[in-house]
N, C-alpha and C. Protein backbone atom coordinates (compact mmCIF):
# COMPACT_ATOMS: atom_id res chain seq x y z
N UNK A 1 27.29 28.10 -3.25
CA UNK A 1 28.81 27.32 -3.46
C UNK A 1 28.77 26.08 -2.11
N UNK A 2 28.36 26.97 -1.19
CA UNK A 2 28.40 26.55 0.14
C UNK A 2 27.26 25.56 0.65
N UNK A 3 26.05 26.20 -0.01
CA UNK A 3 24.90 25.41 0.11
C UNK A 3 25.08 24.04 -0.52
N UNK A 4 25.90 23.95 -2.00
CA UNK A 4 25.91 22.66 -2.50
C UNK A 4 26.79 21.77 -2.20
N UNK A 5 27.74 22.47 -1.56
CA UNK A 5 28.50 21.33 -0.76
C UNK A 5 28.02 20.89 0.47
N UNK A 6 27.18 21.26 1.22
CA UNK A 6 26.35 21.00 2.49
C UNK A 6 25.28 20.11 2.23
N UNK A 7 24.79 20.27 0.94
CA UNK A 7 23.98 19.38 0.52
C UNK A 7 24.54 17.97 -0.18
N UNK A 8 25.70 18.23 -0.64
CA UNK A 8 26.68 16.81 -1.00
C UNK A 8 26.97 16.10 0.05
N UNK A 9 27.38 16.77 1.69
CA UNK A 9 27.90 16.32 2.50
C UNK A 9 26.83 15.36 3.11
N UNK A 10 25.38 15.90 3.22
CA UNK A 10 24.16 15.25 3.39
C UNK A 10 23.88 14.16 2.95
N UNK A 11 24.00 14.22 1.88
CA UNK A 11 23.65 13.19 1.07
C UNK A 11 24.71 11.96 1.26
N UNK A 12 25.67 12.12 0.83
CA UNK A 12 26.84 11.21 1.33
C UNK A 12 26.82 10.52 2.94
N UNK A 13 26.41 11.57 3.89
CA UNK A 13 26.10 11.28 5.37
C UNK A 13 24.89 10.33 5.26
N UNK A 14 23.67 10.33 4.30
CA UNK A 14 22.57 9.69 4.52
C UNK A 14 22.98 8.20 3.95
N UNK A 15 23.49 8.41 2.82
CA UNK A 15 24.12 7.04 1.95
C UNK A 15 24.82 6.03 3.06
N UNK A 16 25.94 6.95 3.71
CA UNK A 16 26.56 5.98 4.71
C UNK A 16 25.92 5.71 5.61
N UNK A 17 24.79 6.52 6.60
CA UNK A 17 24.19 5.96 7.36
C UNK A 17 22.80 4.82 7.16
N UNK A 18 22.36 5.13 5.63
CA UNK A 18 21.43 3.88 4.99
C UNK A 18 22.47 2.70 4.96
N UNK A 19 23.54 2.77 4.56
CA UNK A 19 24.25 1.42 4.48
C UNK A 19 24.43 0.85 5.40
N UNK A 20 25.07 1.40 6.75
CA UNK A 20 25.45 0.74 7.68
C UNK A 20 23.76 0.28 8.76
N UNK A 21 22.63 1.07 8.32
CA UNK A 21 21.76 0.64 9.18
C UNK A 21 20.98 -0.87 8.28
N UNK A 22 21.08 -0.76 6.93
CA UNK A 22 20.86 -1.80 6.07
C UNK A 22 21.52 -2.97 6.33
N UNK A 23 22.84 -3.10 6.24
CA UNK A 23 23.56 -4.07 6.62
C UNK A 23 23.12 -4.54 8.16
N UNK A 24 22.86 -4.12 9.25
CA UNK A 24 22.70 -4.49 10.74
C UNK A 24 21.41 -4.94 10.31
N UNK A 25 20.10 -4.25 9.63
CA UNK A 25 19.13 -5.21 9.40
C UNK A 25 19.53 -6.23 8.95
N UNK A 26 19.94 -6.52 7.63
CA UNK A 26 20.11 -7.76 6.85
C UNK A 26 20.62 -8.62 7.73
N UNK A 27 21.54 -8.35 8.54
CA UNK A 27 22.31 -9.47 9.44
C UNK A 27 21.29 -10.17 10.45
N UNK A 28 20.72 -9.39 10.93
CA UNK A 28 19.46 -9.66 11.92
C UNK A 28 18.28 -10.14 11.10
N UNK A 29 18.05 -9.89 10.19
CA UNK A 29 16.68 -10.27 9.12
C UNK A 29 16.83 -11.31 8.47
N UNK A 30 18.30 -11.89 8.57
CA UNK A 30 18.55 -13.20 7.67
C UNK A 30 17.55 -14.37 7.80
N UNK A 31 16.92 -14.47 8.81
CA UNK A 31 16.20 -15.50 9.21
C UNK A 31 14.68 -15.44 9.48
N UNK A 32 14.22 -13.78 9.21
CA UNK A 32 13.08 -13.63 9.39
C UNK A 32 11.99 -14.30 8.36
N UNK A 33 12.60 -14.54 7.13
CA UNK A 33 11.74 -14.99 6.15
C UNK A 33 11.02 -16.27 6.55
N UNK A 34 11.48 -17.12 7.38
CA UNK A 34 11.17 -18.59 7.84
C UNK A 34 10.12 -18.35 9.34
N UNK A 35 10.12 -16.91 9.53
CA UNK A 35 8.82 -16.65 10.47
C UNK A 35 7.37 -16.50 9.93
N UNK A 36 7.46 -16.22 8.57
CA UNK A 36 6.18 -15.94 7.77
C UNK A 36 5.48 -17.12 7.47
N UNK A 37 6.10 -18.57 7.95
CA UNK A 37 5.36 -19.57 7.73
C UNK A 37 4.49 -20.13 8.95
N UNK A 38 4.65 -19.16 10.04
CA UNK A 38 3.91 -18.96 11.07
C UNK A 38 2.60 -18.03 11.16
N UNK A 39 1.18 -18.72 10.75
CA UNK A 39 0.21 -17.52 10.84
C UNK A 39 -0.08 -17.27 12.23
N UNK A 40 0.08 -18.09 13.38
CA UNK A 40 -0.08 -17.58 14.52
C UNK A 40 0.79 -16.26 15.42
N UNK A 41 1.58 -16.22 14.54
CA UNK A 41 2.90 -15.56 15.09
C UNK A 41 2.44 -13.97 14.70
N UNK A 42 1.88 -12.95 15.55
CA UNK A 42 1.84 -11.63 14.90
C UNK A 42 3.22 -10.81 14.74
N UNK A 43 2.99 -10.12 13.59
CA UNK A 43 3.63 -8.81 13.69
C UNK A 43 3.35 -7.96 14.22
N UNK A 44 4.25 -6.71 14.26
CA UNK A 44 5.61 -6.47 13.78
C UNK A 44 6.34 -7.64 15.09
N UNK A 45 7.48 -7.62 15.27
CA UNK A 45 8.23 -8.36 16.13
C UNK A 45 9.85 -7.97 15.82
N UNK A 46 10.49 -8.47 16.99
CA UNK A 46 12.01 -8.17 16.68
C UNK A 46 12.64 -9.57 17.40
N UNK A 47 14.08 -9.54 17.21
CA UNK A 47 15.03 -10.73 17.67
C UNK A 47 15.20 -10.39 19.32
N UNK A 48 15.07 -11.25 19.71
CA UNK A 48 14.95 -11.18 21.31
C UNK A 48 16.10 -12.11 21.85
N UNK A 49 16.51 -13.21 21.20
CA UNK A 49 17.61 -13.80 21.47
C UNK A 49 18.02 -14.50 20.14
N UNK A 50 19.31 -14.75 19.99
CA UNK A 50 19.77 -15.33 19.13
C UNK A 50 21.31 -15.99 19.58
N UNK A 51 21.54 -17.12 18.96
CA UNK A 51 23.14 -17.55 18.95
C UNK A 51 23.26 -18.49 17.32
N UNK A 52 23.73 -17.64 16.72
CA UNK A 52 23.86 -18.56 15.34
C UNK A 52 25.36 -18.39 14.91
N UNK A 53 26.15 -19.40 14.72
CA UNK A 53 27.75 -19.53 14.74
C UNK A 53 27.79 -18.87 12.99
N UNK A 54 29.02 -18.79 12.60
CA UNK A 54 29.39 -18.57 11.03
C UNK A 54 28.80 -19.51 10.19
N UNK A 55 28.54 -20.40 10.43
CA UNK A 55 28.32 -21.84 9.23
C UNK A 55 26.57 -21.86 9.45
N UNK A 56 25.95 -21.05 10.46
CA UNK A 56 24.46 -20.96 10.39
C UNK A 56 24.05 -21.87 11.28
N UNK A 57 24.48 -22.37 11.98
CA UNK A 57 23.91 -23.37 13.11
C UNK A 57 23.71 -22.71 14.61
N UNK A 58 22.51 -22.74 14.96
CA UNK A 58 22.17 -22.56 16.41
C UNK A 58 21.01 -22.25 16.64
N UNK A 59 20.44 -20.91 17.08
CA UNK A 59 19.01 -21.02 17.32
C UNK A 59 18.35 -19.52 17.18
N UNK A 60 16.79 -19.31 17.08
CA UNK A 60 16.81 -17.72 17.03
C UNK A 60 15.64 -17.65 17.81
N UNK A 61 15.26 -16.71 18.66
CA UNK A 61 14.12 -16.53 19.14
C UNK A 61 13.31 -14.82 18.35
N UNK A 62 12.11 -14.95 18.27
CA UNK A 62 11.84 -13.70 17.82
C UNK A 62 10.37 -13.37 18.83
N UNK A 63 10.14 -12.22 19.60
CA UNK A 63 9.54 -11.46 20.26
C UNK A 63 8.35 -10.66 19.75
N UNK A 64 7.25 -10.36 20.22
CA UNK A 64 6.19 -9.31 19.87
C UNK A 64 5.90 -8.81 20.93
N UNK A 65 4.89 -7.75 20.71
CA UNK A 65 4.05 -7.12 21.35
C UNK A 65 2.75 -7.57 22.45
N UNK A 66 2.72 -8.93 21.67
CA UNK A 66 1.43 -9.22 22.60
C UNK A 66 2.03 -10.45 23.21
N UNK A 67 3.12 -10.72 23.53
CA UNK A 67 3.80 -11.51 24.54
C UNK A 67 3.85 -13.30 24.01
N UNK A 68 4.23 -12.99 22.47
CA UNK A 68 4.55 -14.35 22.06
C UNK A 68 5.94 -14.32 21.59
N UNK A 69 6.49 -15.60 21.77
CA UNK A 69 8.07 -15.90 21.35
C UNK A 69 8.03 -16.94 20.52
N UNK A 70 8.33 -16.53 19.18
CA UNK A 70 8.57 -17.91 18.15
C UNK A 70 10.09 -18.09 18.18
N UNK A 71 10.73 -19.67 18.30
CA UNK A 71 11.88 -19.96 18.39
C UNK A 71 12.19 -21.04 17.33
N UNK A 72 13.22 -21.25 16.75
CA UNK A 72 13.53 -22.21 15.81
C UNK A 72 14.86 -22.60 15.77
N UNK A 73 15.39 -23.86 15.53
CA UNK A 73 16.86 -23.95 15.72
C UNK A 73 17.39 -23.99 13.96
N UNK A 74 18.77 -23.62 14.19
CA UNK A 74 19.17 -23.42 12.56
C UNK A 74 19.91 -24.57 12.68
N UNK A 75 20.26 -24.87 11.28
CA UNK A 75 21.32 -25.87 10.81
C UNK A 75 21.89 -25.70 9.17
N UNK A 76 22.86 -24.99 9.09
CA UNK A 76 23.37 -24.64 7.95
C UNK A 76 22.60 -23.64 7.21
N UNK A 77 22.37 -22.46 8.27
CA UNK A 77 21.27 -21.53 7.74
C UNK A 77 19.66 -21.71 7.29
N UNK A 78 19.20 -23.20 7.88
CA UNK A 78 17.52 -23.33 7.47
C UNK A 78 17.44 -23.84 8.63
N UNK A 79 15.90 -23.72 9.02
CA UNK A 79 15.09 -24.31 10.25
C UNK A 79 15.59 -25.89 10.12
N UNK A 80 16.15 -26.13 11.40
CA UNK A 80 16.26 -27.47 11.74
C UNK A 80 15.11 -28.43 11.98
N UNK A 81 14.78 -29.28 11.44
CA UNK A 81 13.73 -30.54 11.99
C UNK A 81 14.25 -31.20 13.13
N UNK A 82 13.52 -30.96 14.17
CA UNK A 82 14.21 -31.75 15.30
C UNK A 82 13.08 -32.93 15.66
N UNK A 83 13.07 -33.35 16.71
CA UNK A 83 12.20 -34.74 17.40
C UNK A 83 10.78 -34.61 16.90
N UNK A 84 10.25 -35.56 16.15
CA UNK A 84 8.54 -35.48 15.95
C UNK A 84 8.74 -34.68 14.70
N UNK A 85 9.25 -34.28 14.00
CA UNK A 85 9.06 -33.16 12.71
C UNK A 85 8.76 -32.23 13.32
N UNK A 86 9.04 -31.57 14.68
CA UNK A 86 8.41 -30.54 14.84
C UNK A 86 9.95 -29.38 14.54
N UNK A 87 9.62 -28.33 14.16
CA UNK A 87 10.67 -27.17 13.68
C UNK A 87 10.53 -25.71 14.85
N UNK A 88 9.21 -25.54 14.51
CA UNK A 88 9.32 -24.17 15.12
C UNK A 88 8.40 -24.52 16.87
N UNK A 89 8.70 -23.74 17.55
CA UNK A 89 7.81 -23.44 19.03
C UNK A 89 7.33 -22.52 19.10
N UNK A 90 6.03 -21.93 19.46
CA UNK A 90 5.47 -20.46 19.93
C UNK A 90 5.02 -20.59 21.16
N UNK A 91 5.78 -19.84 21.91
CA UNK A 91 5.31 -19.76 23.11
C UNK A 91 4.24 -18.46 23.64
N UNK A 92 2.99 -18.61 24.32
CA UNK A 92 2.17 -17.69 24.67
C UNK A 92 2.46 -17.34 26.03
N UNK A 93 2.48 -15.81 26.30
CA UNK A 93 2.80 -15.68 28.02
C UNK A 93 1.52 -14.41 28.21
N UNK A 94 1.33 -14.64 29.29
CA UNK A 94 0.47 -13.55 30.28
C UNK A 94 0.66 -13.52 31.38
N UNK A 95 0.95 -12.27 31.75
CA UNK A 95 1.01 -11.70 33.25
C UNK A 95 2.52 -12.24 33.49
N UNK A 96 3.90 -12.52 32.56
CA UNK A 96 4.40 -12.85 32.75
C UNK A 96 4.74 -14.64 33.12
N UNK A 97 3.63 -15.24 33.22
CA UNK A 97 3.50 -16.83 32.89
C UNK A 97 2.95 -17.68 31.47
N UNK A 98 3.98 -18.47 31.29
CA UNK A 98 3.62 -19.10 30.12
C UNK A 98 2.36 -19.85 30.15
N UNK A 99 1.37 -19.58 29.48
CA UNK A 99 0.23 -20.16 29.12
C UNK A 99 -0.09 -21.33 28.18
N UNK A 100 0.69 -21.10 27.18
CA UNK A 100 0.42 -21.98 26.17
C UNK A 100 1.59 -22.56 25.11
N UNK A 101 1.57 -23.28 24.70
CA UNK A 101 3.05 -23.48 23.79
C UNK A 101 2.48 -24.54 22.74
N UNK A 102 2.69 -24.08 21.23
CA UNK A 102 2.24 -24.54 20.27
C UNK A 102 3.42 -25.03 19.43
N UNK A 103 3.54 -26.28 18.77
CA UNK A 103 4.41 -26.81 17.78
C UNK A 103 4.08 -27.03 16.33
N UNK A 104 5.25 -26.64 15.57
CA UNK A 104 4.82 -26.40 14.29
C UNK A 104 5.67 -27.33 13.31
N UNK A 105 5.39 -27.61 12.18
CA UNK A 105 6.45 -28.45 11.50
C UNK A 105 7.31 -27.42 10.57
N UNK A 106 7.89 -27.95 9.33
CA UNK A 106 8.73 -27.18 8.55
C UNK A 106 7.68 -26.19 7.87
N UNK A 107 6.60 -26.63 7.23
CA UNK A 107 6.07 -25.77 6.57
C UNK A 107 4.81 -24.82 7.21
N UNK A 108 4.89 -24.70 8.63
CA UNK A 108 4.36 -23.74 9.64
C UNK A 108 2.58 -24.59 9.66
N UNK A 109 2.73 -25.64 9.61
CA UNK A 109 1.38 -26.65 9.94
C UNK A 109 1.55 -26.93 11.39
N UNK A 110 0.30 -26.65 12.16
CA UNK A 110 0.50 -27.12 13.54
C UNK A 110 0.45 -28.75 13.55
N UNK A 111 1.36 -28.91 14.64
CA UNK A 111 1.93 -30.66 14.41
C UNK A 111 2.27 -31.23 16.13
N UNK A 112 1.93 -32.21 16.27
CA UNK A 112 2.26 -32.77 17.33
C UNK A 112 3.20 -33.73 17.64
N UNK A 113 4.06 -34.15 18.45
CA UNK A 113 5.18 -35.00 19.15
C UNK A 113 4.15 -36.41 19.11
N UNK A 114 4.70 -36.72 17.72
CA UNK A 114 4.17 -37.99 17.33
C UNK A 114 4.35 -39.29 18.35
N UNK A 115 5.72 -39.16 19.04
CA UNK A 115 6.09 -40.30 20.21
C UNK A 115 5.53 -40.15 21.52
N UNK A 116 4.86 -39.24 21.75
CA UNK A 116 4.11 -38.89 22.98
C UNK A 116 2.65 -38.89 22.92
N UNK A 117 1.73 -38.24 22.98
CA UNK A 117 0.26 -37.99 23.01
C UNK A 117 -0.11 -37.35 21.73
N UNK A 118 0.89 -36.73 20.91
CA UNK A 118 0.54 -36.35 19.79
C UNK A 118 0.13 -34.69 20.03
N UNK A 119 0.60 -34.68 21.13
CA UNK A 119 0.04 -32.86 21.37
C UNK A 119 0.79 -31.85 20.77
N UNK A 120 -0.03 -31.12 20.01
CA UNK A 120 0.44 -29.90 19.08
C UNK A 120 0.48 -28.52 19.97
N UNK A 121 -0.56 -28.58 21.20
CA UNK A 121 -0.47 -27.66 21.82
C UNK A 121 -0.78 -28.07 23.21
N UNK A 122 -0.17 -27.29 24.52
CA UNK A 122 -0.16 -27.41 25.54
C UNK A 122 -0.50 -26.77 26.18
N UNK A 123 -1.46 -26.41 26.95
CA UNK A 123 -1.72 -25.35 27.98
C UNK A 123 -1.64 -25.76 29.08
N UNK A 124 -0.93 -24.13 29.88
CA UNK A 124 -0.47 -24.43 31.38
C UNK A 124 -1.31 -23.78 32.21
N UNK A 125 -1.97 -24.40 33.39
CA UNK A 125 -3.13 -24.04 34.55
C UNK A 125 -2.33 -23.88 35.78
N UNK A 126 -2.04 -22.39 36.01
CA UNK A 126 -1.70 -22.49 37.35
C UNK A 126 -2.71 -22.39 38.43
N UNK A 127 -2.81 -23.66 39.13
CA UNK A 127 -3.88 -23.42 39.85
C UNK A 127 -3.68 -23.08 41.31
N UNK A 128 -2.50 -23.13 41.75
CA UNK A 128 -2.14 -22.91 43.02
C UNK A 128 -1.19 -21.68 42.70
N UNK A 129 -1.54 -20.65 42.38
CA UNK A 129 -0.52 -19.56 42.41
C UNK A 129 0.50 -19.18 43.37
N UNK A 130 0.09 -18.84 44.72
CA UNK A 130 0.75 -18.47 45.77
C UNK A 130 2.03 -19.72 45.86
N UNK A 131 1.77 -20.81 45.67
CA UNK A 131 2.25 -22.29 46.22
C UNK A 131 3.39 -22.26 44.74
N UNK A 132 2.83 -21.75 43.64
CA UNK A 132 3.99 -21.88 42.46
C UNK A 132 5.28 -20.77 42.84
N UNK A 133 4.62 -19.72 43.28
CA UNK A 133 5.25 -18.32 43.42
C UNK A 133 6.61 -18.52 44.42
N UNK A 134 6.23 -19.43 45.27
CA UNK A 134 7.06 -19.75 46.41
C UNK A 134 8.16 -20.31 45.48
N UNK A 135 7.78 -21.57 45.15
CA UNK A 135 8.69 -22.44 44.34
C UNK A 135 9.52 -21.91 43.37
N UNK A 136 8.82 -20.75 42.72
CA UNK A 136 9.53 -20.15 41.61
C UNK A 136 10.78 -19.06 42.41
N UNK A 137 10.44 -18.48 43.27
CA UNK A 137 11.42 -17.65 43.91
C UNK A 137 12.56 -18.96 44.43
N UNK A 138 12.45 -20.00 44.88
CA UNK A 138 13.50 -20.97 45.50
C UNK A 138 14.08 -20.82 43.66
N UNK A 139 13.71 -21.54 42.91
CA UNK A 139 14.08 -21.88 41.58
C UNK A 139 14.97 -20.67 40.76
N UNK A 140 14.20 -19.56 41.10
CA UNK A 140 14.83 -18.05 40.38
C UNK A 140 16.02 -17.67 41.20
N UNK A 141 16.09 -17.92 42.99
CA UNK A 141 17.15 -17.61 43.52
C UNK A 141 18.57 -18.52 43.04
N UNK A 142 18.19 -19.57 42.55
CA UNK A 142 18.98 -20.58 42.50
C UNK A 142 19.55 -20.34 40.85
N UNK A 143 18.95 -19.46 39.85
CA UNK A 143 19.26 -19.55 38.60
C UNK A 143 18.59 -20.55 37.83
N UNK A 144 17.54 -21.70 38.66
CA UNK A 144 17.58 -22.99 37.69
C UNK A 144 18.03 -24.26 38.22
N UNK A 145 18.86 -23.76 38.78
CA UNK A 145 20.33 -24.99 39.32
C UNK A 145 19.89 -25.41 40.41
N UNK A 146 18.72 -26.03 40.65
CA UNK A 146 18.23 -26.31 41.79
C UNK A 146 17.50 -27.68 41.55
N UNK A 147 17.87 -28.88 42.23
CA UNK A 147 16.73 -30.29 42.26
C UNK A 147 15.81 -29.86 43.53
N UNK A 148 14.59 -29.92 43.21
CA UNK A 148 13.44 -29.99 43.70
C UNK A 148 12.70 -31.15 43.72
N UNK A 149 11.82 -31.42 44.87
CA UNK A 149 11.40 -32.58 44.63
C UNK A 149 10.27 -32.86 43.90
N UNK A 150 9.71 -33.44 43.21
CA UNK A 150 8.65 -33.44 41.94
C UNK A 150 7.45 -33.24 42.91
N UNK A 151 6.75 -32.07 42.91
CA UNK A 151 5.78 -31.58 43.34
C UNK A 151 4.52 -31.77 42.35
N UNK A 152 4.34 -32.81 41.47
CA UNK A 152 3.39 -32.67 40.81
C UNK A 152 2.25 -32.97 41.38
N UNK A 153 2.09 -33.96 42.46
CA UNK A 153 1.42 -34.66 43.41
C UNK A 153 0.56 -33.32 44.07
N UNK A 154 1.10 -32.39 44.38
CA UNK A 154 0.55 -31.05 45.17
C UNK A 154 -0.56 -30.54 43.84
N UNK A 155 -0.70 -30.60 42.98
CA UNK A 155 -1.60 -30.35 41.86
C UNK A 155 -1.51 -28.93 42.08
N UNK A 156 -0.32 -28.14 41.54
CA UNK A 156 0.34 -26.80 41.49
C UNK A 156 -0.29 -26.24 40.08
N UNK A 157 0.23 -27.04 39.09
CA UNK A 157 0.35 -26.80 37.65
C UNK A 157 -0.37 -27.59 36.97
N UNK A 158 -1.34 -27.58 36.02
CA UNK A 158 -2.01 -28.56 35.37
C UNK A 158 -1.84 -28.18 34.21
N UNK A 159 -1.55 -29.22 33.20
CA UNK A 159 -1.23 -28.92 31.50
C UNK A 159 -2.54 -29.70 31.02
N UNK A 160 -2.99 -29.12 30.06
CA UNK A 160 -4.07 -29.51 28.96
C UNK A 160 -3.42 -29.81 27.71
N UNK A 161 -3.57 -31.26 26.83
CA UNK A 161 -3.24 -31.10 25.76
C UNK A 161 -4.06 -31.20 24.38
N UNK A 162 -3.75 -30.86 23.31
CA UNK A 162 -4.69 -30.55 22.05
C UNK A 162 -3.75 -31.03 20.91
N UNK A 163 -4.55 -31.76 19.89
CA UNK A 163 -4.00 -32.21 18.92
C UNK A 163 -3.90 -31.02 17.99
N UNK A 164 -3.26 -31.22 16.61
CA UNK A 164 -3.54 -30.67 15.56
C UNK A 164 -4.44 -29.88 15.16
N UNK A 165 -5.63 -30.48 15.45
CA UNK A 165 -7.11 -29.96 15.00
C UNK A 165 -7.37 -29.35 15.87
N UNK A 166 -6.84 -29.01 16.93
CA UNK A 166 -7.33 -27.90 18.03
C UNK A 166 -8.28 -28.91 18.92
N UNK A 167 -8.19 -30.26 19.00
CA UNK A 167 -9.36 -31.13 19.68
C UNK A 167 -8.38 -31.39 21.24
N UNK A 168 -9.22 -31.20 22.24
CA UNK A 168 -8.56 -31.99 23.38
C UNK A 168 -8.10 -33.54 23.07
N UNK A 169 -7.15 -33.78 23.66
CA UNK A 169 -6.82 -35.20 23.82
C UNK A 169 -7.22 -35.43 25.22
N UNK A 170 -7.91 -36.77 25.08
CA UNK A 170 -8.43 -37.33 26.38
C UNK A 170 -7.61 -37.91 27.22
N UNK A 171 -7.71 -37.43 28.55
CA UNK A 171 -6.96 -38.06 29.63
C UNK A 171 -7.71 -38.99 30.52
N UNK A 172 -7.97 -39.96 31.09
CA UNK A 172 -8.30 -40.40 32.29
C UNK A 172 -8.28 -39.81 33.50
N UNK A 173 -7.51 -38.70 33.77
CA UNK A 173 -7.21 -37.96 34.80
C UNK A 173 -6.69 -36.74 34.38
N UNK A 174 -6.67 -35.73 35.27
CA UNK A 174 -5.72 -34.22 34.83
C UNK A 174 -4.16 -34.71 35.01
N UNK A 175 -3.67 -33.86 34.10
CA UNK A 175 -2.25 -34.37 34.39
C UNK A 175 -1.58 -32.83 34.78
N UNK A 176 -0.63 -33.01 35.73
CA UNK A 176 0.08 -32.15 36.67
C UNK A 176 1.30 -32.41 36.16
N UNK A 177 2.30 -31.07 36.35
CA UNK A 177 3.84 -31.25 36.21
C UNK A 177 4.33 -30.55 37.10
N UNK A 178 5.40 -30.79 37.63
CA UNK A 178 6.25 -30.14 38.74
C UNK A 178 6.54 -28.93 38.29
N UNK A 179 6.77 -27.99 39.62
CA UNK A 179 6.93 -26.55 39.62
C UNK A 179 8.10 -26.44 38.58
N UNK A 180 9.40 -27.10 38.69
CA UNK A 180 10.43 -26.80 37.99
C UNK A 180 10.39 -27.14 36.82
N UNK A 181 9.44 -28.28 36.46
CA UNK A 181 9.24 -28.73 35.07
C UNK A 181 8.55 -27.12 34.22
N UNK A 182 7.53 -26.52 34.85
CA UNK A 182 6.96 -25.50 34.11
C UNK A 182 8.11 -24.53 34.68
N UNK A 183 8.92 -24.34 35.09
CA UNK A 183 9.74 -23.14 35.36
C UNK A 183 10.86 -23.14 34.16
N UNK A 184 11.10 -24.44 33.69
CA UNK A 184 11.84 -24.82 32.70
C UNK A 184 10.97 -24.34 31.26
N UNK A 185 9.78 -24.66 30.79
CA UNK A 185 9.17 -24.43 30.13
C UNK A 185 9.20 -22.95 29.95
N UNK A 186 8.35 -22.18 31.02
CA UNK A 186 8.44 -20.93 31.04
C UNK A 186 9.91 -20.01 30.49
N UNK A 187 10.96 -20.36 31.00
CA UNK A 187 11.85 -19.97 30.40
C UNK A 187 12.70 -20.60 29.31
N UNK A 188 11.94 -21.11 28.47
CA UNK A 188 12.06 -21.74 27.44
C UNK A 188 13.66 -22.83 27.26
N UNK A 189 13.51 -23.90 28.16
CA UNK A 189 15.03 -24.57 28.36
C UNK A 189 14.40 -26.07 27.63
N UNK A 190 12.85 -26.00 26.95
CA UNK A 190 12.67 -27.45 26.27
C UNK A 190 13.04 -27.27 24.94
N UNK A 191 13.64 -28.30 24.37
CA UNK A 191 13.61 -28.44 22.81
C UNK A 191 12.91 -29.56 22.48
N UNK A 192 12.10 -29.98 21.63
CA UNK A 192 11.76 -31.30 21.27
C UNK A 192 12.66 -32.21 20.87
């Protein structure tokens, strides 16, 4: 008799636990179906950051164990199309630094910013690491709230652009960005 009651209690406890777990997973994974459109984003992954209001407006970021972060904005519970038709941004990190950023349309197709150089992929090359680390410390200490002189002329961070077919976008001379701009990209302050 006691064994039967014990088994009933275990079954009820298991069902209650399953119910709570499935509700929390469902709440967290409402938008996971949209990540399947991005074939370059490797699974498994977790929600790393999100701010979505009750109307389904906001943003969500997913991260995985190979240092990729996929993010997109939501409007009424659906991915929002941003400037230039871009919906998704996929960030690639190595040793704590951003080294590539890809942009995708609503269908998960690599797409560029038509209003600029049509770049679908931006590669970041830290050419003077020690110099950048000094500037990064200043920016970190100020939590990003610092106006630094544009140091792109110092050729610390170079960028290379590629189109949706992964072809390099020809430039007359190398393009450099400021340390602060790179820091903003690195902490994902940029939206198209």
